[in-house]
Amino acid sequence: MIGLSNIIIRILILKEELIILGLQRERVFLRLQTVIQDEEGQERYEIKGEGELLIRNKKTVLTFYEQSEEERSIRHLIAISPDRVNINRSGDVQTNQQFILHKKTESLIPLPHGNIHMEIKTNEIDYTPIAKNREGKLSIQYEAILNEQIKRNHKLTLTFYKEERK
């Protein structure tokens, strides 16, 4: 059995290793907006909150939690590379979406009443990294076909910035 003090020591060692590797996490504030357009009309979703930012080499990783309307937690992990974006959600909702410019990718969304198959064709990825006096911004435009039948156009916009130090 691992005691609490051993766990705390392991966390401190891991944090120190991350700092040595240049992987210190920073707190950020973020806003994730999604617009979905289909034959029926348009839907809009927005999440605002706090998360963690990690940048190493040419890869940016953001993690944050969303509370669903049913007060359940969904963890978001967004990994941004020069040639692709991966969005992984875990918790109450589970998805792993790959966005590769001008390529088709597939994912499965498990639901209690059955799975939804999603085919994604990424039309545009635009990323501006965070800088000292500039917020970071990710924009993805893509088509999603659900269960080989329902076509929907999506625009996802994520903006994030570091907290101001006074």
Foldseek 3Di string as FASTA:
>chain_A
DDDPVNVVVVVVVVQVVCVVLVFHKAKKWKKKWKWKQFPVGIDIDMDTDMWIWTDDDQKIWIWDWDQDPVRWIKIWIWIDHPFKIWIAIDTPWTKIDIAGAQDKDWIWTDDPVGIKIKIKGWHDWDWDDADPPGKTKIWTWIWIDIPVHTIMIMIMMMIMDGDDDD
